[in-house]
């Protein structure tokens, strides 16, 4: 619900997660899908490079 309040301008302290947090969560999902598709371990460094 904080997201909605933030979008409405009801919070002044900004989002509770950073852009880096969002990037990392997307990278984890990409690594997971790549691992499933290729049947191997995928290092986060490979995805974040």
Protein backbone atom coordinates (compact mmCIF):
# COMPACT_ATOMS: atom_id res chain seq x y z
CA UNK A 1 0.00 0.00 0.00
CA UNK A 2 2.97 2.34 0.43
CA UNK A 3 3.43 2.27 -3.35
CA UNK A 4 -0.06 3.60 -3.95
CA UNK A 5 0.33 6.27 -1.27
CA UNK A 6 3.67 7.30 -2.81
CA UNK A 7 2.08 7.57 -6.28
CA UNK A 8 -0.69 9.72 -4.80
CA UNK A 9 1.90 12.04 -3.25
CA UNK A 10 0.88 11.08 0.29
CA UNK A 11 4.42 10.10 1.35
CA UNK A 12 7.45 12.38 1.24
CA UNK A 13 10.19 9.95 2.23
CA UNK A 14 10.44 8.25 -1.17
CA UNK A 15 10.14 4.58 -2.03
CA UNK A 16 11.27 1.96 0.48
CA UNK A 17 13.31 0.11 -2.14
CA UNK A 18 16.05 1.53 -4.32
CA UNK A 19 16.56 1.23 -8.04
CA UNK A 20 19.43 -1.14 -7.23
CA UNK A 21 17.02 -3.39 -5.31
CA UNK A 22 14.74 -3.49 -8.34
CA UNK A 23 17.62 -4.21 -10.71
CA UNK A 24 18.83 -7.07 -8.52
CA UNK A 25 15.36 -8.65 -8.32
CA UNK A 26 15.02 -8.54 -12.12
CA UNK A 27 18.53 -9.96 -12.55
CA UNK A 28 17.67 -12.85 -10.22
CA UNK A 29 14.63 -13.64 -12.36
CA UNK A 30 16.67 -13.46 -15.56
CA UNK A 31 19.32 -15.77 -14.07
CA UNK A 32 16.64 -18.22 -12.95
CA UNK A 33 15.05 -18.39 -16.41
CA UNK A 34 18.44 -18.71 -18.10
CA UNK A 35 19.32 -21.54 -15.71
CA UNK A 36 16.07 -23.36 -16.49
CA UNK A 37 16.44 -22.86 -20.24
CA UNK A 38 20.09 -23.94 -20.37
CA UNK A 39 20.02 -26.53 -17.56
CA UNK A 40 23.02 -25.08 -15.75
CA UNK A 41 24.04 -22.81 -12.89
CA UNK A 42 24.08 -19.14 -13.86
CA UNK A 43 26.24 -16.73 -11.85
CA UNK A 44 24.79 -13.33 -11.05
CA UNK A 45 27.96 -11.75 -12.47
CA UNK A 46 27.04 -13.27 -15.84
CA UNK A 47 23.62 -11.62 -15.79
CA UNK A 48 24.76 -8.28 -14.37
CA UNK A 49 27.69 -7.92 -16.82
